[in-house]
Amino acid sequence: MTDQRRRLVLASQSPARLGLLRQAGLDPEVIVSGVDEDALTAPTPSELARVLAEAKAEAVAGREQAAGALVVGCDSVLELDGEALGKPADAEEATARWKSMRGRAGVLQTGHCVIDTATGRRASATASTTVRFGEPSDAEIAVYVASGEPLHVAGAFTLDGRSAPFIDGIEGDHGNVIGISLPLLRKLLAELGVGITELWAPAS
């Protein structure tokens, strides 16, 4: 019996997003978009996250190797004081970021875009999760920044890594903070007439 599942392509090099999709029974191919995130702007952090996700999905959907596939693009920013904070440029910025975040709450905005390259139809939206930061000491922040992890993640933190002990709690979707909201992905696929269970990989 041949596998009739639609091809699913993740337009992101994030191992965290890939891991969440695999845990949910999906097995996407990965095609990195190469989009220059710094070149894009939007009026609000929420819109910026969606614009970035759409740009990533569009860049990959236009490639020959994505023909006939469902392409998923995602991008996250942390909204703090109305500003959109992506990955810090260097250790100094990561340190300053953590000192400004501790003891406060921010909103992790993750834009999602799904493009069906077979029909040209698309659906996109942003999921928002409130993150309450703890109060790590200056010494703890210094050690964390020295690990290099915060330089590779939006907002300079992640729930599934070394910064997890510094997060007091969240309000909203846990997966959204890690990189992709599976409930929102299901809704966007449904808008395109695709049931998420149709994309599940066969059980091993």
N, C-alpha and C. Protein backbone atom coordinates (compact mmCIF):
# COMPACT_ATOMS: atom_id res chain seq x y z
N MET A 1 0.85 -1.19 0.00
CA MET A 1 0.00 0.00 0.00
C MET A 1 0.89 1.25 0.00
N THR A 2 0.61 2.17 -0.90
CA THR A 2 1.44 3.37 -0.99
C THR A 2 0.97 4.41 0.02
N ASP A 3 1.92 5.26 0.44
CA ASP A 3 1.62 6.31 1.41
C ASP A 3 1.00 7.50 0.67
N GLN A 4 -0.26 7.80 0.96
CA GLN A 4 -0.97 8.87 0.27
C GLN A 4 -0.96 10.19 1.04
N ARG A 5 -0.18 10.26 2.11
CA ARG A 5 -0.14 11.50 2.88
C ARG A 5 0.43 12.65 2.04
N ARG A 6 -0.10 13.85 2.29
CA ARG A 6 0.48 15.05 1.68
C ARG A 6 1.86 15.29 2.27
N ARG A 7 2.77 15.80 1.46
CA ARG A 7 4.08 16.18 1.97
C ARG A 7 3.94 17.43 2.82
N LEU A 8 4.64 17.42 3.94
CA LEU A 8 4.66 18.56 4.84
C LEU A 8 6.09 19.09 4.90
N VAL A 9 6.24 20.39 4.68
CA VAL A 9 7.57 21.00 4.69
C VAL A 9 7.61 22.07 5.78
N LEU A 10 8.63 22.02 6.62
CA LEU A 10 8.85 23.03 7.64
C LEU A 10 9.90 24.01 7.14
N ALA A 11 9.49 25.29 6.99
CA ALA A 11 10.39 26.32 6.47
C ALA A 11 11.16 26.96 7.62
N SER A 12 11.86 26.15 8.38
CA SER A 12 12.57 26.63 9.56
C SER A 12 13.69 25.66 9.92
N GLN A 13 14.79 26.20 10.41
CA GLN A 13 15.89 25.33 10.84
C GLN A 13 15.83 25.06 12.34
N SER A 14 14.73 25.47 12.99
CA SER A 14 14.61 25.31 14.44
C SER A 14 14.44 23.85 14.84
N PRO A 15 15.39 23.29 15.58
CA PRO A 15 15.22 21.91 16.03
C PRO A 15 14.06 21.77 17.02
N ALA A 16 13.75 22.84 17.75
CA ALA A 16 12.64 22.79 18.70
C ALA A 16 11.31 22.64 17.97
N ARG A 17 11.11 23.39 16.88
CA ARG A 17 9.87 23.27 16.11
C ARG A 17 9.75 21.87 15.50
N LEU A 18 10.85 21.41 14.94
CA LEU A 18 10.83 20.07 14.33
C LEU A 18 10.51 19.02 15.38
N GLY A 19 11.08 19.17 16.57
CA GLY A 19 10.84 18.21 17.64
C GLY A 19 9.38 18.18 18.07
N LEU A 20 8.75 19.35 18.17
CA LEU A 20 7.34 19.41 18.56
C LEU A 20 6.46 18.75 17.50
N LEU A 21 6.76 18.99 16.24
CA LEU A 21 5.96 18.39 15.17
C LEU A 21 6.09 16.87 15.17
N ARG A 22 7.31 16.39 15.39
CA ARG A 22 7.51 14.94 15.42
C ARG A 22 6.81 14.30 16.61
N GLN A 23 6.84 14.98 17.75
CA GLN A 23 6.14 14.46 18.94
C GLN A 23 4.64 14.37 18.68
N ALA A 24 4.13 15.23 17.79
CA ALA A 24 2.69 15.26 17.49
C ALA A 24 2.33 14.31 16.33
N GLY A 25 3.27 13.46 15.94
CA GLY A 25 2.97 12.47 14.91
C GLY A 25 3.24 12.91 13.49
N LEU A 26 3.85 14.07 13.32
CA LEU A 26 4.15 14.59 11.98
C LEU A 26 5.63 14.38 11.67
N ASP A 27 5.95 14.28 10.41
CA ASP A 27 7.35 14.05 10.02
C ASP A 27 7.70 14.93 8.83
N PRO A 28 7.81 16.24 9.06
CA PRO A 28 8.04 17.16 7.95
C PRO A 28 9.46 17.10 7.39
N GLU A 29 9.56 17.46 6.13
CA GLU A 29 10.88 17.73 5.55
C GLU A 29 11.26 19.14 6.01
N VAL A 30 12.54 19.42 6.08
CA VAL A 30 13.00 20.76 6.47
C VAL A 30 13.69 21.42 5.29
N ILE A 31 13.19 22.60 4.94
CA ILE A 31 13.83 23.43 3.91
C ILE A 31 13.99 24.82 4.52
N VAL A 32 15.21 25.24 4.74
CA VAL A 32 15.47 26.53 5.40
C VAL A 32 15.19 27.66 4.42
N SER A 33 14.48 28.68 4.90
CA SER A 33 14.02 29.76 4.02
C SER A 33 15.13 30.71 3.60
N GLY A 34 16.04 31.02 4.52
CA GLY A 34 17.09 31.98 4.20
C GLY A 34 16.61 33.43 4.21
N VAL A 35 15.43 33.68 4.76
CA VAL A 35 14.87 35.05 4.80
C VAL A 35 15.69 35.92 5.76
N ASP A 36 15.96 37.17 5.32
CA ASP A 36 16.64 38.13 6.18
C ASP A 36 15.61 38.75 7.12
N GLU A 37 15.55 38.25 8.35
CA GLU A 37 14.53 38.68 9.29
C GLU A 37 14.65 40.17 9.64
N ASP A 38 15.86 40.69 9.61
CA ASP A 38 16.07 42.09 9.99
C ASP A 38 15.54 43.07 8.94
N ALA A 39 15.27 42.57 7.73
CA ALA A 39 14.83 43.45 6.64
C ALA A 39 13.32 43.70 6.66
N LEU A 40 12.59 42.98 7.54
CA LEU A 40 11.13 43.09 7.56
C LEU A 40 10.64 43.88 8.77
N THR A 41 9.59 44.64 8.56
CA THR A 41 9.02 45.45 9.64
C THR A 41 7.50 45.31 9.64
N ALA A 42 6.87 45.70 10.73
CA ALA A 42 5.41 45.71 10.86
C ALA A 42 5.05 46.64 12.02
N PRO A 43 3.80 47.11 12.04
CA PRO A 43 3.41 48.09 13.08
C PRO A 43 3.43 47.56 14.51
N THR A 44 3.17 46.26 14.69
CA THR A 44 3.12 45.70 16.05
C THR A 44 3.93 44.40 16.09
N PRO A 45 4.36 43.99 17.29
CA PRO A 45 5.08 42.72 17.41
C PRO A 45 4.28 41.53 16.89
N SER A 46 2.97 41.53 17.16
CA SER A 46 2.12 40.44 16.69
C SER A 46 2.11 40.36 15.16
N GLU A 47 1.95 41.51 14.53
CA GLU A 47 1.96 41.54 13.06
C GLU A 47 3.33 41.20 12.50
N LEU A 48 4.39 41.64 13.20
CA LEU A 48 5.74 41.33 12.73
C LEU A 48 5.97 39.82 12.72
N ALA A 49 5.52 39.15 13.77
CA ALA A 49 5.69 37.69 13.84
C ALA A 49 4.98 37.02 12.67
N ARG A 50 3.78 37.51 12.33
CA ARG A 50 3.03 36.93 11.21
C ARG A 50 3.71 37.23 9.88
N VAL A 51 4.17 38.46 9.71
CA VAL A 51 4.85 38.85 8.47
C VAL A 51 6.11 38.00 8.25
N LEU A 52 6.86 37.78 9.31
CA LEU A 52 8.07 36.96 9.22
C LEU A 52 7.73 35.51 8.85
N ALA A 53 6.67 34.98 9.48
CA ALA A 53 6.25 33.61 9.18
C ALA A 53 5.81 33.49 7.72
N GLU A 54 5.06 34.48 7.24
CA GLU A 54 4.61 34.46 5.85
C GLU A 54 5.78 34.55 4.88
N ALA A 55 6.76 35.39 5.22
CA ALA A 55 7.92 35.53 4.34
C ALA A 55 8.71 34.22 4.24
N LYS A 56 8.85 33.53 5.36
CA LYS A 56 9.56 32.25 5.36
C LYS A 56 8.80 31.21 4.54
N ALA A 57 7.49 31.13 4.76
CA ALA A 57 6.69 30.15 4.02
C ALA A 57 6.71 30.45 2.52
N GLU A 58 6.58 31.74 2.17
CA GLU A 58 6.59 32.12 0.75
C GLU A 58 7.92 31.79 0.08
N ALA A 59 9.02 32.05 0.78
CA ALA A 59 10.34 31.80 0.20
C ALA A 59 10.52 30.32 -0.14
N VAL A 60 10.02 29.45 0.72
CA VAL A 60 10.17 28.01 0.49
C VAL A 60 9.12 27.49 -0.49
N ALA A 61 7.89 28.02 -0.39
CA ALA A 61 6.80 27.55 -1.27
C ALA A 61 7.12 27.81 -2.74
N GLY A 62 7.94 28.83 -3.00
CA GLY A 62 8.29 29.15 -4.38
C GLY A 62 9.38 28.27 -4.98
N ARG A 63 9.93 27.39 -4.19
CA ARG A 63 11.01 26.53 -4.68
C ARG A 63 10.48 25.23 -5.27
N GLU A 64 11.21 24.74 -6.26
CA GLU A 64 10.77 23.54 -6.97
C GLU A 64 10.62 22.34 -6.03
N GLN A 65 11.53 22.22 -5.04
CA GLN A 65 11.48 21.04 -4.17
C GLN A 65 10.28 21.04 -3.24
N ALA A 66 9.54 22.17 -3.17
CA ALA A 66 8.35 22.23 -2.33
C ALA A 66 7.06 22.04 -3.14
N ALA A 67 7.17 21.77 -4.42
CA ALA A 67 5.99 21.65 -5.28
C ALA A 67 5.04 20.57 -4.76
N GLY A 68 3.76 20.94 -4.63
CA GLY A 68 2.74 20.00 -4.19
C GLY A 68 2.66 19.80 -2.69
N ALA A 69 3.54 20.46 -1.94
CA ALA A 69 3.60 20.25 -0.49
C ALA A 69 2.81 21.31 0.28
N LEU A 70 2.56 21.02 1.53
CA LEU A 70 2.05 22.00 2.48
C LEU A 70 3.26 22.58 3.20
N VAL A 71 3.45 23.88 3.08
CA VAL A 71 4.62 24.53 3.66
C VAL A 71 4.22 25.30 4.91
N VAL A 72 4.92 25.06 6.01
CA VAL A 72 4.65 25.74 7.28
C VAL A 72 5.81 26.66 7.62
N GLY A 73 5.50 27.94 7.79
CA GLY A 73 6.50 28.91 8.23
C GLY A 73 6.12 29.45 9.59
N CYS A 74 7.11 29.63 10.46
CA CYS A 74 6.87 30.18 11.80
C CYS A 74 7.98 31.15 12.17
N ASP A 75 7.64 32.13 12.98
CA ASP A 75 8.67 32.98 13.55
C ASP A 75 8.17 33.58 14.85
N SER A 76 9.07 33.71 15.81
CA SER A 76 8.69 34.19 17.14
C SER A 76 9.42 35.47 17.51
N VAL A 77 8.72 36.34 18.23
CA VAL A 77 9.35 37.51 18.84
C VAL A 77 8.75 37.66 20.25
N LEU A 78 9.52 38.24 21.14
CA LEU A 78 9.03 38.54 22.49
C LEU A 78 8.59 39.99 22.52
N GLU A 79 7.34 40.20 22.92
CA GLU A 79 6.84 41.57 23.05
C GLU A 79 7.02 42.03 24.49
N LEU A 80 7.83 43.08 24.66
CA LEU A 80 8.08 43.65 25.98
C LEU A 80 8.08 45.16 25.84
N ASP A 81 7.24 45.82 26.61
CA ASP A 81 7.09 47.28 26.51
C ASP A 81 6.73 47.72 25.10
N GLY A 82 5.94 46.91 24.40
CA GLY A 82 5.50 47.26 23.05
C GLY A 82 6.52 47.04 21.97
N GLU A 83 7.70 46.58 22.34
CA GLU A 83 8.76 46.33 21.36
C GLU A 83 8.84 44.84 21.02
N ALA A 84 9.28 44.54 19.80
CA ALA A 84 9.48 43.16 19.37
C ALA A 84 10.95 42.80 19.54
N LEU A 85 11.22 41.81 20.37
CA LEU A 85 12.59 41.39 20.64
C LEU A 85 12.82 40.01 20.02
N GLY A 86 13.76 39.94 19.11
CA GLY A 86 14.10 38.67 18.50
C GLY A 86 15.32 38.07 19.18
N LYS A 87 16.20 37.46 18.40
CA LYS A 87 17.42 36.90 18.98
C LYS A 87 18.39 38.04 19.29
N PRO A 88 19.01 38.03 20.47
CA PRO A 88 19.98 39.08 20.79
C PRO A 88 21.19 39.01 19.87
N ALA A 89 21.77 40.17 19.57
CA ALA A 89 22.89 40.23 18.63
C ALA A 89 24.17 39.66 19.21
N ASP A 90 24.34 39.80 20.53
CA ASP A 90 25.58 39.33 21.14
C ASP A 90 25.34 39.09 22.64
N ALA A 91 26.38 38.65 23.32
CA ALA A 91 26.27 38.32 24.74
C ALA A 91 25.91 39.55 25.58
N GLU A 92 26.44 40.70 25.21
CA GLU A 92 26.16 41.93 25.96
C GLU A 92 24.66 42.25 25.89
N GLU A 93 24.08 42.12 24.69
CA GLU A 93 22.65 42.40 24.54
C GLU A 93 21.81 41.36 25.28
N ALA A 94 22.24 40.10 25.25
CA ALA A 94 21.50 39.04 25.95
C ALA A 94 21.50 39.30 27.46
N THR A 95 22.63 39.75 27.98
CA THR A 95 22.73 40.06 29.41
C THR A 95 21.80 41.21 29.78
N ALA A 96 21.83 42.27 28.99
CA ALA A 96 20.98 43.43 29.26
C ALA A 96 19.51 43.05 29.15
N ARG A 97 19.20 42.19 28.18
CA ARG A 97 17.82 41.75 27.97
C ARG A 97 17.30 41.02 29.22
N TRP A 98 18.10 40.10 29.72
CA TRP A 98 17.66 39.34 30.89
C TRP A 98 17.51 40.22 32.12
N LYS A 99 18.40 41.19 32.29
CA LYS A 99 18.30 42.08 33.44
C LYS A 99 17.04 42.93 33.36
N SER A 100 16.59 43.24 32.13
CA SER A 100 15.37 44.04 31.97
C SER A 100 14.11 43.19 32.08
N MET A 101 14.21 41.88 31.80
CA MET A 101 13.04 41.01 31.81
C MET A 101 12.73 40.44 33.19
N ARG A 102 13.74 40.26 34.01
CA ARG A 102 13.52 39.52 35.26
C ARG A 102 12.49 40.19 36.15
N GLY A 103 11.63 39.33 36.74
CA GLY A 103 10.58 39.83 37.60
C GLY A 103 9.39 40.43 36.86
N ARG A 104 9.41 40.33 35.51
CA ARG A 104 8.35 40.95 34.72
C ARG A 104 7.66 39.89 33.86
N ALA A 105 6.68 40.34 33.09
CA ALA A 105 6.00 39.45 32.15
C ALA A 105 6.08 40.03 30.74
N GLY A 106 6.25 39.16 29.77
CA GLY A 106 6.25 39.56 28.37
C GLY A 106 5.29 38.65 27.60
N VAL A 107 5.06 38.95 26.34
CA VAL A 107 4.18 38.13 25.52
C VAL A 107 4.99 37.56 24.36
N LEU A 108 5.04 36.24 24.30
CA LEU A 108 5.75 35.57 23.21
C LEU A 108 4.77 35.45 22.04
N GLN A 109 5.09 36.13 20.96
CA GLN A 109 4.24 36.13 19.76
C GLN A 109 4.87 35.21 18.71
N THR A 110 4.13 34.20 18.27
CA THR A 110 4.64 33.33 17.21
C THR A 110 3.70 33.38 16.02
N GLY A 111 4.23 33.87 14.90
CA GLY A 111 3.46 33.89 13.66
C GLY A 111 3.50 32.53 13.00
N HIS A 112 2.39 32.14 12.40
CA HIS A 112 2.27 30.87 11.71
C HIS A 112 1.69 31.12 10.32
N CYS A 113 2.23 30.48 9.32
CA CYS A 113 1.67 30.57 7.97
C CYS A 113 1.76 29.20 7.32
N VAL A 114 0.64 28.76 6.73
CA VAL A 114 0.61 27.50 5.99
C VAL A 114 0.23 27.82 4.54
N ILE A 115 1.04 27.37 3.61
CA ILE A 115 0.75 27.56 2.19
C ILE A 115 0.61 26.18 1.53
N ASP A 116 -0.52 25.98 0.85
CA ASP A 116 -0.73 24.76 0.07
C ASP A 116 -0.23 25.04 -1.34
N THR A 117 0.94 24.53 -1.67
CA THR A 117 1.53 24.84 -2.98
C THR A 117 0.77 24.19 -4.12
N ALA A 118 -0.09 23.22 -3.80
CA ALA A 118 -0.88 22.56 -4.85
C ALA A 118 -2.02 23.47 -5.32
N THR A 119 -2.53 24.32 -4.42
CA THR A 119 -3.66 25.18 -4.76
C THR A 119 -3.33 26.67 -4.73
N GLY A 120 -2.21 27.02 -4.06
CA GLY A 120 -1.86 28.42 -3.90
C GLY A 120 -2.57 29.08 -2.73
N ARG A 121 -3.43 28.34 -2.04
CA ARG A 121 -4.15 28.91 -0.90
C ARG A 121 -3.24 28.98 0.33
N ARG A 122 -3.57 29.92 1.20
CA ARG A 122 -2.77 30.09 2.41
C ARG A 122 -3.64 30.49 3.59
N ALA A 123 -3.11 30.26 4.78
CA ALA A 123 -3.77 30.70 6.00
C ALA A 123 -2.68 31.11 6.98
N SER A 124 -2.90 32.21 7.69
CA SER A 124 -1.88 32.66 8.64
C SER A 124 -2.52 33.33 9.84
N ALA A 125 -1.81 33.30 10.96
CA ALA A 125 -2.27 33.92 12.20
C ALA A 125 -1.12 33.94 13.19
N THR A 126 -1.31 34.66 14.28
CA THR A 126 -0.30 34.73 15.35
C THR A 126 -0.89 34.20 16.64
N ALA A 127 -0.13 33.38 17.35
CA ALA A 127 -0.52 32.90 18.67
C ALA A 127 0.29 33.66 19.72
N SER A 128 -0.37 33.98 20.83
CA SER A 128 0.25 34.78 21.89
C SER A 128 0.23 34.04 23.22
N THR A 129 1.37 34.02 23.90
CA THR A 129 1.46 33.38 25.21
C THR A 129 2.19 34.32 26.17
N THR A 130 1.59 34.57 27.32
CA THR A 130 2.24 35.42 28.33
C THR A 130 3.27 34.61 29.10
N VAL A 131 4.45 35.18 29.27
CA VAL A 131 5.55 34.51 29.98
C VAL A 131 5.92 35.35 31.20
N ARG A 132 5.91 34.72 32.37
CA ARG A 132 6.30 35.41 33.60
C ARG A 132 7.73 35.00 33.96
N PHE A 133 8.61 35.97 33.92
CA PHE A 133 10.03 35.69 34.18
C PHE A 133 10.33 35.73 35.68
N GLY A 134 11.19 34.83 36.11
CA GLY A 134 11.66 34.83 37.48
C GLY A 134 12.70 35.91 37.69
N GLU A 135 13.45 35.78 38.77
CA GLU A 135 14.46 36.80 39.08
C GLU A 135 15.83 36.17 39.27
N PRO A 136 16.43 35.67 38.18
CA PRO A 136 17.79 35.13 38.32
C PRO A 136 18.77 36.22 38.74
N SER A 137 19.77 35.82 39.49
CA SER A 137 20.79 36.77 39.94
C SER A 137 21.69 37.17 38.77
N ASP A 138 22.46 38.22 38.96
CA ASP A 138 23.42 38.63 37.93
C ASP A 138 24.37 37.48 37.61
N ALA A 139 24.78 36.75 38.64
CA ALA A 139 25.71 35.64 38.43
C ALA A 139 25.05 34.54 37.59
N GLU A 140 23.79 34.24 37.88
CA GLU A 140 23.08 33.21 37.10
C GLU A 140 22.91 33.65 35.65
N ILE A 141 22.59 34.93 35.45
CA ILE A 141 22.45 35.45 34.10
C ILE A 141 23.78 35.33 33.35
N ALA A 142 24.87 35.66 34.01
CA ALA A 142 26.19 35.61 33.38
C ALA A 142 26.53 34.19 32.93
N VAL A 143 26.24 33.22 33.78
CA VAL A 143 26.54 31.82 33.43
C VAL A 143 25.63 31.36 32.29
N TYR A 144 24.36 31.77 32.35
CA TYR A 144 23.43 31.39 31.28
C TYR A 144 23.85 31.97 29.94
N VAL A 145 24.19 33.24 29.93
CA VAL A 145 24.62 33.88 28.68
C VAL A 145 25.89 33.22 28.15
N ALA A 146 26.79 32.86 29.06
CA ALA A 146 28.05 32.20 28.64
C ALA A 146 27.79 30.84 27.99
N SER A 147 26.63 30.23 28.28
CA SER A 147 26.31 28.93 27.66
C SER A 147 26.05 29.07 26.17
N GLY A 148 25.75 30.29 25.73
CA GLY A 148 25.48 30.53 24.31
C GLY A 148 24.04 30.33 23.90
N GLU A 149 23.25 29.67 24.73
CA GLU A 149 21.87 29.36 24.35
C GLU A 149 21.02 30.59 24.01
N PRO A 150 21.07 31.65 24.82
CA PRO A 150 20.15 32.77 24.54
C PRO A 150 20.43 33.49 23.23
N LEU A 151 21.58 33.28 22.63
CA LEU A 151 21.91 33.95 21.37
C LEU A 151 21.18 33.31 20.19
N HIS A 152 20.59 32.16 20.40
CA HIS A 152 19.99 31.41 19.30
C HIS A 152 18.47 31.32 19.37
N VAL A 153 17.85 32.01 20.35
CA VAL A 153 16.40 31.89 20.53
C VAL A 153 15.76 33.27 20.69
N ALA A 154 14.54 33.40 20.14
CA ALA A 154 13.81 34.66 20.24
C ALA A 154 13.58 35.03 21.70
N GLY A 155 13.83 36.29 22.03
CA GLY A 155 13.63 36.74 23.40
C GLY A 155 14.74 36.35 24.34
N ALA A 156 15.76 35.65 23.86
CA ALA A 156 16.91 35.23 24.65
C ALA A 156 16.57 34.19 25.72
N PHE A 157 15.46 33.42 25.51
CA PHE A 157 15.11 32.38 26.46
C PHE A 157 14.34 31.28 25.74
N THR A 158 14.24 30.13 26.39
CA THR A 158 13.41 29.05 25.88
C THR A 158 12.90 28.21 27.06
N LEU A 159 11.74 27.62 26.89
CA LEU A 159 11.17 26.78 27.95
C LEU A 159 11.77 25.40 27.98
N ASP A 160 12.41 24.99 26.89
CA ASP A 160 12.91 23.61 26.83
C ASP A 160 14.44 23.55 26.89
N GLY A 161 15.04 24.52 27.58
CA GLY A 161 16.49 24.55 27.68
C GLY A 161 16.96 25.01 29.04
N ARG A 162 18.15 25.58 29.08
CA ARG A 162 18.78 25.97 30.34
C ARG A 162 18.05 27.11 31.06
N SER A 163 17.28 27.89 30.33
CA SER A 163 16.58 29.02 30.98
C SER A 163 15.27 28.61 31.63
N ALA A 164 14.85 27.34 31.48
CA ALA A 164 13.57 26.90 32.05
C ALA A 164 13.44 27.21 33.55
N PRO A 165 14.50 27.06 34.37
CA PRO A 165 14.36 27.38 35.80
C PRO A 165 14.13 28.86 36.08
N PHE A 166 14.36 29.71 35.08
CA PHE A 166 14.20 31.15 35.27
C PHE A 166 12.83 31.63 34.82
N ILE A 167 11.94 30.72 34.41
CA ILE A 167 10.59 31.07 33.98
C ILE A 167 9.62 30.63 35.06
N ASP A 168 8.94 31.59 35.68
CA ASP A 168 8.02 31.26 36.78
C ASP A 168 6.72 30.64 36.30
N GLY A 169 6.30 30.97 35.09
CA GLY A 169 5.05 30.40 34.58
C GLY A 169 4.65 31.03 33.27
N ILE A 170 3.65 30.43 32.63
CA ILE A 170 3.13 30.97 31.38
C ILE A 170 1.60 30.93 31.43
N GLU A 171 0.99 31.75 30.60
CA GLU A 171 -0.46 31.73 30.41
C GLU A 171 -0.70 31.57 28.92
N GLY A 172 -1.14 30.37 28.52
CA GLY A 172 -1.35 30.11 27.11
C GLY A 172 -0.68 28.82 26.69
N ASP A 173 -0.43 28.71 25.41
CA ASP A 173 0.09 27.48 24.82
C ASP A 173 1.60 27.34 25.05
N HIS A 174 1.97 26.26 25.73
CA HIS A 174 3.38 25.96 26.02
C HIS A 174 4.19 25.81 24.72
N GLY A 175 3.64 25.07 23.76
CA GLY A 175 4.36 24.84 22.50
C GLY A 175 4.61 26.12 21.73
N ASN A 176 3.71 27.07 21.86
CA ASN A 176 3.87 28.34 21.17
C ASN A 176 5.16 29.05 21.60
N VAL A 177 5.50 28.92 22.88
CA VAL A 177 6.72 29.55 23.39
C VAL A 177 7.96 28.82 22.85
N ILE A 178 7.86 27.52 22.72
CA ILE A 178 8.98 26.74 22.19
C ILE A 178 9.17 26.99 20.70
N GLY A 179 8.07 27.31 20.00
CA GLY A 179 8.26 27.65 18.59
C GLY A 179 7.09 27.41 17.67
N ILE A 180 6.11 26.58 18.06
CA ILE A 180 4.95 26.37 17.18
C ILE A 180 3.75 25.97 18.02
N SER A 181 2.61 26.60 17.75
CA SER A 181 1.37 26.26 18.43
C SER A 181 0.67 25.17 17.63
N LEU A 182 0.65 23.97 18.16
CA LEU A 182 0.01 22.86 17.43
C LEU A 182 -1.50 23.06 17.29
N PRO A 183 -2.21 23.59 18.32
CA PRO A 183 -3.63 23.86 18.12
C PRO A 183 -3.89 24.87 17.00
N LEU A 184 -3.06 25.92 16.92
CA LEU A 184 -3.24 26.90 15.84
C LEU A 184 -2.90 26.27 14.49
N LEU A 185 -1.85 25.46 14.45
CA LEU A 185 -1.51 24.78 13.20
C LEU A 185 -2.68 23.94 12.71
N ARG A 186 -3.33 23.23 13.63
CA ARG A 186 -4.48 22.40 13.24
C ARG A 186 -5.58 23.27 12.64
N LYS A 187 -5.84 24.43 13.23
CA LYS A 187 -6.89 25.32 12.73
C LYS A 187 -6.54 25.88 11.34
N LEU A 188 -5.28 26.24 11.14
CA LEU A 188 -4.87 26.79 9.84
C LEU A 188 -4.95 25.72 8.75
N LEU A 189 -4.54 24.50 9.09
CA LEU A 189 -4.67 23.40 8.12
C LEU A 189 -6.14 23.17 7.78
N ALA A 190 -7.01 23.24 8.80
CA ALA A 190 -8.44 23.03 8.58
C ALA A 190 -9.01 24.09 7.64
N GLU A 191 -8.50 25.34 7.75
CA GLU A 191 -8.94 26.40 6.83
C GLU A 191 -8.64 26.04 5.38
N LEU A 192 -7.59 25.25 5.19
CA LEU A 192 -7.19 24.84 3.84
C LEU A 192 -7.78 23.49 3.46
N GLY A 193 -8.66 22.97 4.32
CA GLY A 193 -9.33 21.72 4.01
C GLY A 193 -8.50 20.48 4.30
N VAL A 194 -7.51 20.62 5.18
CA VAL A 194 -6.64 19.50 5.52
C VAL A 194 -6.78 19.16 6.99
N GLY A 195 -7.07 17.91 7.32
CA GLY A 195 -7.13 17.48 8.70
C GLY A 195 -5.75 17.08 9.17
N ILE A 196 -5.37 17.51 10.36
CA ILE A 196 -4.00 17.25 10.82
C ILE A 196 -3.72 15.74 10.95
N THR A 197 -4.75 14.97 11.26
CA THR A 197 -4.54 13.53 11.38
C THR A 197 -4.23 12.88 10.04
N GLU A 198 -4.60 13.56 8.95
CA GLU A 198 -4.27 13.04 7.61
C GLU A 198 -2.76 13.09 7.35
N LEU A 199 -2.06 13.90 8.15
CA LEU A 199 -0.63 14.10 7.95
C LEU A 199 0.21 13.26 8.90
N TRP A 200 -0.46 12.54 9.82
CA TRP A 200 0.30 11.74 10.76
C TRP A 200 1.13 10.68 10.06
N ALA A 201 2.36 10.53 10.52
CA ALA A 201 3.22 9.46 10.01
C ALA A 201 2.71 8.12 10.54
N PRO A 202 2.92 7.05 9.81
CA PRO A 202 2.49 5.74 10.30
C PRO A 202 3.17 5.42 11.63
N ALA A 203 2.43 4.81 12.55
CA ALA A 203 3.01 4.43 13.83
C ALA A 203 4.07 3.37 13.62
N SER A 204 5.19 3.52 14.32
CA SER A 204 6.28 2.55 14.13
C SER A 204 6.05 1.31 14.96
